[in-house]
Each structure stands twice: as C-alpha cells, then as structure tokens.
Protein backbone atom coordinates (compact mmCIF):
# COMPACT_ATOMS: atom_id res chain seq x y z
CA MET A 1 0.05 0.00 0.00
CA THR A 2 1.45 3.39 -1.12
CA ILE A 3 1.28 7.01 0.05
CA THR A 4 2.33 9.35 -2.59
CA LYS A 5 2.83 13.20 -2.39
CA PHE A 6 0.92 14.74 -5.19
CA GLU A 7 0.11 17.89 -7.02
CA ILE A 8 -2.24 19.00 -9.89
CA GLY A 9 0.14 21.01 -11.76
CA THR A 10 1.74 22.86 -8.81
CA ASN A 11 -1.34 22.90 -6.66
CA PRO A 12 -1.23 20.65 -3.44
CA TYR A 13 -4.98 20.83 -2.97
CA ILE A 14 -5.46 17.75 -4.99
CA GLY A 15 -8.74 16.60 -3.45
CA ALA A 16 -10.57 19.69 -5.22
CA TYR A 17 -9.81 18.07 -8.55
CA LEU A 18 -10.07 14.13 -7.88
CA VAL A 19 -12.70 11.58 -6.62
CA ALA A 20 -11.64 8.19 -5.61
CA THR A 21 -13.39 4.82 -5.17
CA GLU A 22 -12.32 1.34 -4.91
CA ASN A 23 -12.80 0.63 -8.71
CA PHE A 24 -12.06 4.00 -10.34
CA VAL A 25 -10.85 7.69 -9.92
CA LEU A 26 -12.57 10.59 -11.55
CA ALA A 27 -10.29 13.15 -12.78
CA PRO A 28 -10.57 16.41 -14.84
CA PRO A 29 -9.21 16.66 -18.59
CA ILE A 30 -6.61 18.99 -17.45
CA ILE A 31 -4.74 16.10 -15.84
CA LYS A 32 -1.41 15.39 -17.32
CA PRO A 33 -0.59 11.75 -18.51
CA THR A 34 2.39 11.51 -15.82
CA SER A 35 -0.18 12.32 -13.18
CA VAL A 36 -2.58 9.66 -14.46
CA VAL A 37 0.08 7.00 -14.15
CA LYS A 38 0.93 8.19 -10.77
CA ILE A 39 -2.71 7.98 -9.63
CA LYS A 40 -3.13 4.42 -11.21
CA ASP A 41 0.27 3.26 -9.46
CA THR A 42 -0.76 4.40 -6.10
CA LEU A 43 -4.55 3.90 -5.94
CA LYS A 44 -4.48 0.72 -8.31
CA VAL A 45 -7.45 1.70 -10.34
CA ASP A 46 -8.60 3.16 -13.75
CA VAL A 47 -8.68 6.93 -14.20
CA ILE A 48 -11.60 8.29 -15.80
CA THR A 49 -11.46 11.81 -17.22
CA ILE A 50 -14.62 14.08 -17.14
CA SER A 51 -15.82 17.56 -16.31
CA VAL A 52 -18.92 19.03 -14.50
CA SER A 53 -20.26 22.11 -16.21
CA GLY A 54 -16.74 22.70 -17.82
CA SER A 55 -15.18 22.73 -14.45
CA ALA A 56 -12.28 20.72 -13.38
CA LEU A 57 -13.27 20.91 -9.68
CA LEU A 58 -14.78 17.25 -9.62
CA GLY A 59 -13.88 16.89 -5.96
CA VAL A 60 -16.10 20.09 -5.09
CA PHE A 61 -19.18 18.91 -7.15
CA VAL A 62 -19.16 15.08 -7.19
CA VAL A 63 -19.51 12.21 -4.72
CA ALA A 64 -18.84 8.47 -5.50
CA ASN A 65 -18.43 5.05 -3.99
CA SER A 66 -18.15 1.68 -5.76
CA ASN A 67 -21.93 1.68 -6.18
CA GLY A 68 -22.61 4.96 -7.71
CA ILE A 69 -21.86 8.69 -8.44
CA LEU A 70 -23.64 11.71 -7.43
CA VAL A 71 -23.53 14.75 -9.62
CA PRO A 72 -25.28 18.14 -9.44
CA ASP A 73 -27.74 19.16 -12.10
CA ILE A 74 -25.37 21.80 -13.44
CA ILE A 75 -23.61 18.94 -15.36
CA THR A 76 -24.24 19.21 -19.07
CA ASP A 77 -26.31 16.62 -20.95
CA GLU A 78 -22.95 15.83 -23.05
CA GLU A 79 -21.00 15.41 -19.75
CA LEU A 80 -23.65 13.32 -18.23
CA GLU A 81 -23.82 10.94 -21.19
CA LYS A 82 -20.11 10.61 -21.39
CA LEU A 83 -20.06 9.65 -17.76
CA LYS A 84 -22.79 7.03 -18.24
CA SER A 85 -20.68 5.54 -21.26
CA LEU A 86 -17.66 5.21 -19.06
CA VAL A 87 -18.76 3.81 -15.89
CA ASP A 88 -21.23 0.98 -15.17
CA VAL A 89 -22.64 2.22 -11.82
CA ASN A 90 -25.64 4.05 -10.66
CA ILE A 91 -25.52 7.79 -11.60
CA GLY A 92 -27.81 10.13 -9.46
CA VAL A 93 -28.32 13.72 -10.50
CA ILE A 94 -29.15 16.08 -7.70
CA ARG A 95 -31.16 19.23 -8.12
CA THR A 96 -30.37 21.73 -5.36
CA LYS A 97 -28.97 25.01 -5.02
CA TYR A 98 -26.43 23.35 -2.73
CA ASN A 99 -24.59 21.94 -5.77
CA SER A 100 -21.06 21.36 -4.10
CA LEU A 101 -22.01 18.00 -3.32
CA GLY A 102 -18.45 16.93 -2.77
CA ASN A 103 -18.11 19.52 -0.02
CA LEU A 104 -21.34 18.56 1.75
CA ILE A 105 -21.31 14.61 1.75
CA VAL A 106 -18.85 12.06 2.94
CA ALA A 107 -19.27 8.53 1.85
CA ASN A 108 -17.74 5.10 1.59
CA ASP A 109 -19.09 1.68 0.48
CA ARG A 110 -20.81 1.20 3.90
CA GLY A 111 -22.41 4.57 4.63
CA ALA A 112 -22.85 8.44 3.83
CA ILE A 113 -23.25 11.34 5.98
CA THR A 114 -24.70 14.55 4.51
CA THR A 115 -25.37 18.17 5.41
CA PRO A 116 -28.66 18.76 7.24
CA LEU A 117 -29.43 21.22 4.32
CA PHE A 118 -30.73 18.40 2.02
CA ASP A 119 -34.44 17.51 2.07
CA LYS A 120 -35.86 13.94 2.38
CA ASP A 121 -36.14 13.65 -1.47
CA ILE A 122 -32.44 14.29 -1.99
CA LEU A 123 -31.53 11.89 0.73
CA LYS A 124 -33.46 9.19 -1.01
CA ILE A 125 -31.55 9.76 -4.27
CA ILE A 126 -28.37 9.58 -2.30
CA GLU A 127 -29.38 6.52 -0.73
CA ASP A 128 -30.59 4.79 -3.86
CA THR A 129 -27.50 5.74 -6.00
CA LEU A 130 -24.79 4.97 -3.42
CA ASN A 131 -26.76 1.89 -1.92
CA VAL A 132 -25.81 2.80 1.51
CA GLU A 133 -27.51 4.09 4.84
CA VAL A 134 -27.55 7.84 4.86
CA SER A 135 -27.63 10.13 7.83
CA SER A 136 -27.53 13.98 8.27
CA ARG A 137 -25.62 15.84 10.91
CA LYS A 138 -23.07 18.51 11.21
CA VAL A 139 -19.72 17.77 12.40
CA VAL A 140 -17.68 20.28 14.03
CA ALA A 141 -20.70 22.59 13.75
CA SER A 142 -19.97 22.45 9.87
CA ASP A 143 -22.05 21.50 6.91
CA LEU A 144 -19.06 20.67 5.13
CA LEU A 145 -18.89 16.92 5.80
CA GLY A 146 -17.14 16.25 2.64
CA THR A 147 -14.48 18.85 3.11
CA ILE A 148 -13.43 18.26 6.62
CA SER A 149 -13.27 14.29 6.30
CA VAL A 150 -12.27 11.51 4.09
CA ALA A 151 -13.50 7.98 4.45
CA THR A 152 -12.49 4.68 3.01
CA ASN A 153 -13.67 1.18 3.58
CA LYS A 154 -10.96 0.71 6.23
CA GLY A 155 -10.93 4.00 8.08
CA ALA A 156 -11.75 7.64 8.22
CA LEU A 157 -9.84 10.95 8.95
CA VAL A 158 -11.74 14.08 10.28
CA HIS A 159 -11.09 17.62 11.35
CA PRO A 160 -8.93 17.83 14.39
CA LEU A 161 -11.58 19.61 16.48
CA ALA A 162 -14.07 16.73 16.02
CA THR A 163 -15.65 15.93 19.25
CA GLU A 164 -15.94 12.31 20.65
CA ASN A 165 -19.55 12.43 19.84
CA ASP A 166 -18.77 13.46 16.31
CA ILE A 167 -16.24 10.58 15.92
CA GLN A 168 -18.64 7.88 17.48
CA PHE A 169 -21.43 9.17 15.14
CA MET A 170 -19.38 8.92 12.01
CA SER A 171 -18.00 5.52 12.99
CA LYS A 172 -21.46 4.14 13.47
CA ILE A 173 -22.66 5.36 10.00
CA LEU A 174 -19.42 4.76 8.04
CA LYS A 175 -18.84 1.58 9.90
CA VAL A 176 -15.00 2.15 10.22
CA PRO A 177 -12.76 3.62 12.87
CA VAL A 178 -12.34 7.28 12.72
CA MET A 179 -9.41 9.40 13.85
CA VAL A 180 -8.69 13.05 13.71
CA GLY A 181 -5.81 14.68 11.80
CA THR A 182 -4.73 17.29 9.31
CA VAL A 183 -3.25 17.50 5.72
CA ASN A 184 -0.94 20.00 3.88
CA LEU A 185 0.88 21.50 6.68
CA GLY A 186 -1.95 21.64 9.30
CA SER A 187 -5.04 22.05 7.29
CA PRO A 188 -8.17 20.71 8.91
CA TYR A 189 -9.71 20.53 5.38
CA ILE A 190 -8.88 16.96 4.94
CA SER A 191 -10.41 16.18 1.67
CA VAL A 192 -8.69 19.04 -0.13
CA GLY A 193 -5.33 17.39 0.57
CA LEU A 194 -6.08 13.62 0.79
CA VAL A 195 -7.41 11.26 -2.21
CA ALA A 196 -7.49 7.59 -0.87
CA ASN A 197 -9.03 4.31 -1.37
CA THR A 198 -8.14 0.93 0.57
CA LYS A 199 -5.12 0.24 -1.71
CA GLY A 200 -3.26 3.70 -1.17
CA ALA A 201 -3.40 7.47 -0.93
CA LEU A 202 -2.51 10.56 -2.57
CA VAL A 203 -1.63 13.40 -0.28
CA GLY A 204 -1.03 17.11 -0.92
CA SER A 205 2.68 18.02 -1.54
CA LEU A 206 2.64 20.21 1.48
CA THR A 207 1.59 17.31 3.85
CA THR A 208 4.26 16.69 6.48
CA GLY A 209 5.86 13.38 7.67
CA PRO A 210 3.97 13.12 10.98
CA GLU A 211 0.57 13.86 9.07
CA ILE A 212 1.32 11.05 6.52
CA VAL A 213 1.90 8.64 9.52
CA ARG A 214 -1.32 9.84 11.08
CA ILE A 215 -3.06 9.23 7.62
CA SER A 216 -1.50 5.78 7.43
CA GLN A 217 -3.00 4.87 10.73
CA ALA A 218 -6.30 6.34 10.25
CA LEU A 219 -6.93 4.56 6.89
CA GLU A 220 -4.97 1.49 7.81
CA LEU A 221 -2.53 1.80 5.03
CA VAL A 222 0.36 0.02 6.76
C-alpha cells in the first residue's frame, strides 16, 4: 500500500480535482499523463476523465463510491452521457442550489453522512445511488462534511476539532474507525489534501511526515 505526495500542476489541493473509489478515480481533462500514471500506480484503479459544467473541480461537485456517482444538475447533457458511457454504476443527479456535493457529503461503500441542508427527496436519491445508509448531521458544527473528512472502507480521517460524539457518530454510520488529523501542513480541510481508497493514498505535496503517519494509521495503509 502506497502513500504518494501529489500535485495537480503545482497545486497541493488535490482533493478539489479528484474523486476516488475502490474501482475508479474521476479526474478532470486537465490532468497530465504522468499524473494519471501516478494515480493508477498509487490507488490501483482506472482513471476516468470528465468535467462538470466545464469545471475541473470534480472533488467539489461530485461524490462517489463503488456503487454510484452523485452529480449536481449543473452537469451538461453531454458530460452526463459521457460519464454514463464510461462507468457501469448508478448515477444520481441532484437538483439543489447546494450543488457543491463533494463538500457536503462524505461516503464510503458502507454509509454516507450529509449536510442537514438536504431534504428527504435528496437523501433518498443519495441512498439509492450509493446503495448505503444515509444520515444527516453537522460535524464540528459544519455542513462541510465532505471537506473536513475522508472515508475509505478501512477508516476515516476528520477535522482535528471533531468531538468524541462526532467521531462515534461517524464511525457508526460509515462503519469504520475514525481518527482526527490534518493535511498540507496543518490544514483541517482533510479532503482537499487527501485522495484515498483501501489500496493507497495521494496526499497534497505540503503534507508533512507526521501527517502522513497519521493518515496511514487512520486509513490502515500499513
């Protein structure tokens, strides 16, 4: 299992651009071939290049697990058709003004936690698309569940100010151990500097040695 320091161009905020599952990684068309190779070597999955409304910020807009992909309704018809042609999983289109889905939902193959801003109809789409139990709650008094945490099927890392109640709740829904930590030289916005599955992890280039050790422990990449 590998942990690799990574950048998109010279940008260490890699999680804004990439979405990882056990079976594939979604990446924007701007990704360089050398970066594709590094992603494949580290996470041991195929890389699928798409955009959402012409944006490269897939990590902001998209949520995925092995069962499905959630996209906001700003995705164009052409982009949606391309995505459907490239992956054989459920695809759910979420119609909401809160279209930064990747910032508002954390998920693995066992559960998902969303912002309380979503109504019951949206929660049902999330549940049906990802095929997991879905629960809504703020963590660290934040709606940005997908920004302040990353979860795989082995473990999760969350904002360092998460309370014991936060940690217990996340562990119950995601069905994995949860630890607190940081990325990119002390940033609490975990997903912006960490892209991972059970086979490996990409970390932002500013991530320190002690942070990498913590990530390795939290996600059981040892």
